Amino acid sequence: MVPHQAAKCEGKTRQSTLARTIALRTIDCGKIDKGNEAMTGPIETYRVEAYNTANLSENKMHDDTVARRFGFSGGLVPGVDVMAYMMHVPVAQWGRAFLERGLIEARFVKPVYDGEIADVRAEENAGVISIEVESRGELCATGTASLPAAAPMLAIKDYPEVASVSERKPVSAASYELGKWLGSMPRNWAGEAAEEYLTEVRERDPIYAREGLGHPGLLQRVMNKVLVDNAILGPWIHVGSRMQLLSASRRGDELTARAKVTANYEKKGHRFVELDALVVGNGTTALAHCHHVAIYQPRERA
């Protein structure tokens, strides 16, 4: 999805099966940092004017006209950017420690639309932050964040580096064959691009500029990129992710994803793909272990 403004979540009459909650598989994150268990209760609501950063992207699910064919009222704000809104809460709570070893999970229940207000509500209990994103009085996303005592150890060699396809072809089940390894073209956000990204996702926390850090939402953009780099997709939807951060990324790091297809299936007329991936910085540093779920061929509304 793309930079966005306040989201317009539809009521029950507009509800689409494309936006239903998906149960994500578990990434083992070890023990939660016991130092956080003393803090409980609600956290101040974080309010965002949502912005659709992708209305000009190849994914036309972010285009108003195309999105309406699938039962939505307009182009969707990208799920990866809604997840970036959600990440603001644990970073504000735990600072750099979360960027170095935090765990976050997000499921996108209903769309967030450009220009609408999205309220990120959160509550901490025993070291786990429960997060909900509401817009227009509707629940649009749910998730949790926590701070493991230590980041799990993952070996880069277990995630082989492969090139993305030399020539993209129209998406089919063969594009994301079960067990297939997928690569992505390197991408970095440096200088003005880094500042532009923070503006797009409405991020106001000074930690990124002050410490020269990359926003973890960029790692989710790279996860979307691995899908796009390996097939010509029609309109498609990111429906959920679970991300274990392994190291704080630096502003301008060259990012790639090394992903294995762990599931490819049909459900209620939609084609889903699930990826297990390692996002790597500069070819040498494991930055995040991700489980990524997307509908790569949604069913059109009759």
Protein backbone atom coordinates (compact mmCIF):
# COMPACT_ATOMS: atom_id res chain seq x y z
CA MET A 1 0.00 0.00 0.00
CA VAL A 2 0.99 3.66 -0.13
CA PRO A 3 1.36 6.85 1.96
CA HIS A 4 -2.04 7.58 3.28
CA GLN A 5 -4.30 9.90 5.08
CA ALA A 6 -7.16 9.25 7.43
CA ALA A 7 -8.71 5.90 6.75
CA LYS A 8 -12.29 5.24 5.77
CA CYS A 9 -13.22 1.85 7.16
CA GLU A 10 -16.59 0.66 5.88
CA GLY A 11 -19.49 -0.61 7.92
CA LYS A 12 -20.78 -4.16 7.91
CA THR A 13 -22.64 -3.65 4.64
CA ARG A 14 -19.32 -2.92 2.94
CA GLN A 15 -17.36 -5.62 4.70
CA SER A 16 -15.29 -7.75 2.32
CA THR A 17 -13.97 -11.25 2.77
CA LEU A 18 -10.67 -9.94 1.39
CA ALA A 19 -10.07 -8.12 4.67
CA ARG A 20 -10.82 -10.93 7.11
CA THR A 21 -8.35 -11.82 9.80
CA ILE A 22 -5.79 -14.48 8.89
CA ALA A 23 -4.26 -16.67 11.59
CA LEU A 24 -0.51 -16.26 11.26
CA ARG A 25 1.95 -19.01 12.01
CA THR A 26 4.15 -18.62 15.04
CA ILE A 27 7.72 -17.37 14.98
CA ASP A 28 9.45 -18.54 18.13
CA CYS A 29 10.56 -15.40 19.95
CA GLY A 30 11.80 -16.93 23.20
CA LYS A 31 11.05 -15.40 26.58
CA ILE A 32 9.57 -11.96 27.01
CA ASP A 33 11.78 -9.45 28.82
CA LYS A 34 10.60 -9.71 32.43
CA GLY A 35 11.52 -6.09 33.01
CA ASN A 36 8.41 -5.06 31.10
CA GLU A 37 5.91 -7.06 33.13
CA ALA A 38 5.48 -4.37 35.77
CA MET A 39 3.86 -2.00 33.28
CA THR A 40 0.17 -2.57 32.61
CA GLY A 41 -2.79 -0.55 31.42
CA PRO A 42 -3.81 1.57 28.45
CA ILE A 43 -1.30 3.55 26.39
CA GLU A 44 -2.05 6.98 24.99
CA THR A 45 -3.85 6.73 21.64
CA TYR A 46 -1.69 7.53 18.62
CA ARG A 47 -3.69 9.38 15.96
CA VAL A 48 -2.70 9.36 12.29
CA GLU A 49 -4.15 10.99 9.21
CA ALA A 50 -3.81 8.03 6.88
CA TYR A 51 -2.12 8.48 3.53
CA ASN A 52 -2.29 6.17 0.53
CA THR A 53 1.31 6.05 -0.62
CA ALA A 54 0.56 3.59 -3.42
CA ASN A 55 -2.20 5.14 -5.50
CA LEU A 56 0.19 5.27 -8.46
CA SER A 57 1.75 1.86 -7.86
CA GLU A 58 1.56 -1.23 -10.04
CA ASN A 59 -0.87 -2.72 -7.50
CA LYS A 60 -4.18 -1.26 -8.57
CA MET A 61 -5.88 -2.31 -5.34
CA HIS A 62 -4.70 1.12 -4.24
CA ASP A 63 -6.63 2.75 -7.09
CA ASP A 64 -10.14 3.91 -6.25
CA THR A 65 -11.80 2.61 -9.41
CA VAL A 66 -10.20 -0.84 -9.33
CA ALA A 67 -10.68 -1.31 -5.58
CA ARG A 68 -14.42 -0.74 -5.96
CA ARG A 69 -14.60 -3.78 -8.25
CA PHE A 70 -13.52 -5.86 -5.27
CA GLY A 71 -16.09 -4.45 -2.88
CA PHE A 72 -14.12 -1.61 -1.32
CA SER A 73 -15.17 2.04 -1.30
CA GLY A 74 -11.80 3.26 -2.57
CA GLY A 75 -8.12 2.51 -2.89
CA LEU A 76 -6.60 0.80 0.15
CA VAL A 77 -3.82 2.30 2.23
CA PRO A 78 -1.04 -0.33 2.09
CA GLY A 79 -1.07 -2.84 4.92
CA VAL A 80 2.66 -2.36 5.39
CA ASP A 81 2.02 1.31 6.12
CA VAL A 82 -0.82 0.57 8.54
CA MET A 83 1.66 -1.76 10.25
CA ALA A 84 4.13 1.14 10.37
CA TYR A 85 1.50 3.17 12.27
CA MET A 86 1.21 0.28 14.71
CA MET A 87 4.99 0.10 15.19
CA HIS A 88 5.02 3.63 16.54
CA VAL A 89 3.55 2.39 19.83
CA PRO A 90 6.20 -0.19 20.88
CA VAL A 91 9.02 2.07 19.69
CA ALA A 92 7.63 4.90 21.82
CA GLN A 93 7.35 2.47 24.73
CA TRP A 94 10.69 0.63 24.47
CA GLY A 95 12.84 2.78 22.20
CA ARG A 96 15.87 1.34 20.45
CA ALA A 97 15.51 -1.98 22.30
CA PHE A 98 12.38 -2.71 20.28
CA LEU A 99 14.15 -1.87 17.02
CA GLU A 100 16.92 -4.31 17.96
CA ARG A 101 14.86 -7.30 19.13
CA GLY A 102 11.14 -6.51 19.17
CA LEU A 103 8.39 -8.78 17.90
CA ILE A 104 5.26 -7.48 16.20
CA GLU A 105 2.28 -9.16 14.59
CA ALA A 106 -0.45 -7.47 12.56
CA ARG A 107 -3.64 -8.65 10.92
CA PHE A 108 -5.64 -6.39 8.63
CA VAL A 109 -9.34 -6.81 9.32
CA LYS A 110 -10.85 -4.00 7.26
CA PRO A 111 -9.40 -1.40 4.90
CA VAL A 112 -7.92 1.91 5.93
CA TYR A 113 -8.56 4.64 3.36
CA ASP A 114 -6.66 7.72 2.30
CA GLY A 115 -7.41 10.93 4.18
CA GLU A 116 -9.29 9.39 7.09
CA ILE A 117 -8.22 9.46 10.73
CA ALA A 118 -6.78 6.21 12.08
CA ASP A 119 -6.56 5.82 15.85
CA VAL A 120 -3.95 3.37 17.10
CA ARG A 121 -5.16 2.19 20.50
CA ALA A 122 -2.97 0.03 22.71
CA GLU A 123 -2.82 -1.57 26.13
CA GLU A 124 0.11 -3.28 27.82
CA ASN A 125 -0.28 -6.33 30.00
CA ALA A 126 2.58 -8.46 31.36
CA GLY A 127 5.03 -7.17 28.77
CA VAL A 128 2.74 -7.62 25.76
CA ILE A 129 1.14 -4.65 24.00
CA SER A 130 -2.21 -5.35 22.36
CA ILE A 131 -2.80 -2.97 19.45
CA GLU A 132 -5.91 -2.05 17.49
CA VAL A 133 -6.32 0.39 14.62
CA GLU A 134 -9.74 2.00 14.35
CA SER A 135 -11.08 4.31 11.67
CA ARG A 136 -14.59 5.71 11.28
CA GLY A 137 -15.58 3.71 14.35
CA GLU A 138 -14.59 0.39 12.74
CA LEU A 139 -11.83 -2.02 13.74
CA CYS A 140 -9.36 -2.09 10.84
CA ALA A 141 -6.30 -3.92 12.19
CA THR A 142 -5.26 -5.88 15.26
CA GLY A 143 -1.91 -7.02 16.55
CA THR A 144 0.51 -7.45 19.40
CA ALA A 145 4.02 -6.29 20.18
CA SER A 146 6.49 -7.56 22.74
CA LEU A 147 10.13 -7.28 23.71
CA PRO A 148 11.91 -10.64 23.97
CA ALA A 149 14.80 -10.83 26.40
CA ALA A 150 17.09 -11.47 23.43
CA ALA A 151 16.76 -11.69 19.68
CA PRO A 152 16.78 -15.28 18.39
CA MET A 153 19.86 -16.42 16.52
CA LEU A 154 19.26 -17.07 12.83
CA ALA A 155 21.98 -18.04 10.37
CA ILE A 156 22.01 -16.13 7.09
CA LYS A 157 23.34 -19.24 5.37
CA ASP A 158 20.01 -20.97 6.08
CA TYR A 159 18.34 -18.42 3.80
CA PRO A 160 20.10 -18.70 0.44
CA GLU A 161 20.52 -15.62 -1.70
CA VAL A 162 18.76 -16.05 -5.02
CA ALA A 163 18.09 -13.57 -7.77
CA SER A 164 14.60 -12.44 -8.61
CA VAL A 165 13.34 -13.72 -11.94
CA SER A 166 15.05 -12.24 -14.99
CA GLU A 167 11.71 -11.74 -16.73
CA ARG A 168 8.51 -11.36 -14.79
CA LYS A 169 5.47 -13.22 -16.12
CA PRO A 170 1.79 -12.82 -15.26
CA VAL A 171 1.14 -14.29 -11.83
CA SER A 172 -0.02 -17.87 -11.51
CA ALA A 173 0.23 -20.61 -8.90
CA ALA A 174 3.60 -21.52 -10.42
CA SER A 175 4.94 -18.05 -9.60
CA TYR A 176 4.91 -18.93 -5.91
CA GLU A 177 5.35 -22.69 -6.02
CA LEU A 178 5.49 -24.36 -2.61
CA GLY A 179 9.08 -24.62 -1.38
CA LYS A 180 10.40 -22.15 -3.96
CA TRP A 181 13.04 -19.63 -2.90
CA LEU A 182 12.42 -16.04 -3.98
CA GLY A 183 14.83 -13.13 -4.10
CA SER A 184 14.33 -9.38 -4.40
CA MET A 185 16.17 -6.55 -6.06
CA PRO A 186 18.18 -4.53 -3.50
CA ARG A 187 16.59 -1.31 -2.31
CA ASN A 188 17.67 1.43 0.06
CA TRP A 189 16.09 4.53 1.49
CA ALA A 190 18.84 7.08 2.10
CA GLY A 191 18.92 10.85 2.49
CA GLU A 192 15.75 12.49 1.20
CA ALA A 193 14.14 9.12 0.54
CA ALA A 194 14.43 8.23 4.23
CA GLU A 195 12.86 11.55 5.24
CA GLU A 196 10.11 11.14 2.65
CA TYR A 197 9.25 7.70 4.00
CA LEU A 198 8.88 9.02 7.55
CA THR A 199 6.58 11.74 6.24
CA GLU A 200 4.53 9.22 4.26
CA VAL A 201 3.87 7.03 7.28
CA ARG A 202 3.32 10.07 9.51
CA GLU A 203 6.17 9.07 11.83
CA ARG A 204 7.08 11.75 14.36
CA ASP A 205 9.39 9.86 16.72
CA PRO A 206 12.79 11.61 16.64
CA ILE A 207 14.76 8.39 17.26
CA TYR A 208 15.22 7.67 13.54
CA ALA A 209 16.85 11.01 12.71
CA ARG A 210 18.67 11.31 16.02
CA GLU A 211 20.30 7.88 15.83
CA GLY A 212 20.46 7.42 12.06
CA LEU A 213 18.16 4.39 12.13
CA GLY A 214 15.95 2.89 9.47
CA HIS A 215 12.25 2.53 10.20
CA PRO A 216 11.16 -1.13 10.55
CA GLY A 217 8.24 -0.44 8.24
CA LEU A 218 10.76 -0.40 5.40
CA LEU A 219 11.48 -4.07 6.09
CA GLN A 220 7.81 -4.78 5.44
CA ARG A 221 7.97 -2.87 2.18
CA VAL A 222 10.82 -5.15 1.14
CA MET A 223 8.64 -8.15 1.98
CA ASN A 224 6.01 -6.85 -0.45
CA LYS A 225 8.76 -6.20 -2.97
CA VAL A 226 9.80 -9.86 -3.05
CA LEU A 227 6.32 -10.73 -4.32
CA VAL A 228 6.33 -7.97 -6.92
CA ASP A 229 9.85 -8.74 -8.15
CA ASN A 230 8.92 -12.31 -9.08
CA ALA A 231 5.63 -11.94 -10.97
CA ILE A 232 3.43 -9.44 -12.75
CA LEU A 233 0.62 -9.09 -10.25
CA GLY A 234 -2.86 -7.78 -10.77
CA PRO A 235 -4.61 -6.14 -7.81
CA TRP A 236 -3.47 -7.92 -4.64
CA ILE A 237 -3.69 -7.52 -0.87
CA HIS A 238 -1.28 -7.90 2.04
CA VAL A 239 -3.40 -9.40 4.80
CA GLY A 240 -1.02 -10.00 7.70
CA SER A 241 2.55 -10.28 8.95
CA ARG A 242 4.59 -11.37 11.92
CA MET A 243 8.05 -9.84 12.22
CA GLN A 244 10.81 -10.60 14.70
CA LEU A 245 13.42 -7.86 14.58
CA LEU A 246 16.98 -9.14 14.88
CA SER A 247 19.05 -5.96 14.63
CA ALA A 248 18.35 -2.26 14.25
CA SER A 249 18.70 -1.21 10.62
CA ARG A 250 20.67 1.87 9.70
CA ARG A 251 19.39 4.65 7.49
CA GLY A 252 20.49 3.90 3.92
CA ASP A 253 21.08 0.17 4.43
CA GLU A 254 20.71 -1.86 1.24
CA LEU A 255 17.79 -4.18 1.96
CA THR A 256 16.87 -7.51 0.37
CA ALA A 257 14.52 -10.32 1.31
CA ARG A 258 15.39 -14.02 1.08
CA ALA A 259 12.04 -15.78 1.11
CA LYS A 260 10.75 -19.32 0.89
CA VAL A 261 7.17 -20.07 -0.13
CA THR A 262 5.63 -22.02 2.75
CA ALA A 263 2.01 -22.10 1.57
CA ASN A 264 0.04 -21.48 -1.62
CA TYR A 265 -3.67 -22.22 -1.49
CA GLU A 266 -7.19 -21.22 -2.47
CA LYS A 267 -9.70 -20.07 0.13
CA LYS A 268 -13.18 -18.81 -0.73
CA GLY A 269 -12.14 -17.96 -4.24
CA HIS A 270 -8.95 -16.09 -3.28
CA ARG A 271 -5.41 -17.34 -3.91
CA PHE A 272 -3.12 -16.93 -0.90
CA VAL A 273 0.65 -17.13 -0.57
CA GLU A 274 2.66 -17.32 2.65
CA LEU A 275 6.37 -16.58 2.91
CA ASP A 276 9.02 -17.34 5.52
CA ALA A 277 11.80 -14.82 5.00
CA LEU A 278 14.91 -13.19 6.32
CA VAL A 279 15.39 -9.51 5.54
CA VAL A 280 19.10 -8.80 5.18
CA GLY A 281 20.99 -5.52 5.33
CA ASN A 282 23.99 -4.91 3.06
CA GLY A 283 24.21 -8.62 2.32
CA THR A 284 25.68 -9.38 5.75
CA THR A 285 23.31 -8.51 8.60
CA ALA A 286 20.09 -10.36 9.47
CA LEU A 287 17.61 -7.59 10.28
CA ALA A 288 14.28 -9.40 10.61
CA HIS A 289 12.63 -12.80 10.40
CA CYS A 290 9.22 -12.45 8.78
CA HIS A 291 6.11 -14.45 8.07
CA HIS A 292 4.17 -12.66 5.35
CA VAL A 293 0.67 -13.48 4.08
CA ALA A 294 -0.93 -12.04 0.95
CA ILE A 295 -3.83 -12.65 -1.40
CA TYR A 296 -2.13 -12.57 -4.79
CA GLN A 297 -5.28 -13.30 -6.80
CA PRO A 298 -8.39 -11.93 -5.07
CA ARG A 299 -11.88 -12.91 -6.16
CA GLU A 300 -13.70 -10.10 -7.89
CA ARG A 301 -17.09 -9.14 -6.59
CA ALA A 302 -19.86 -10.55 -8.79
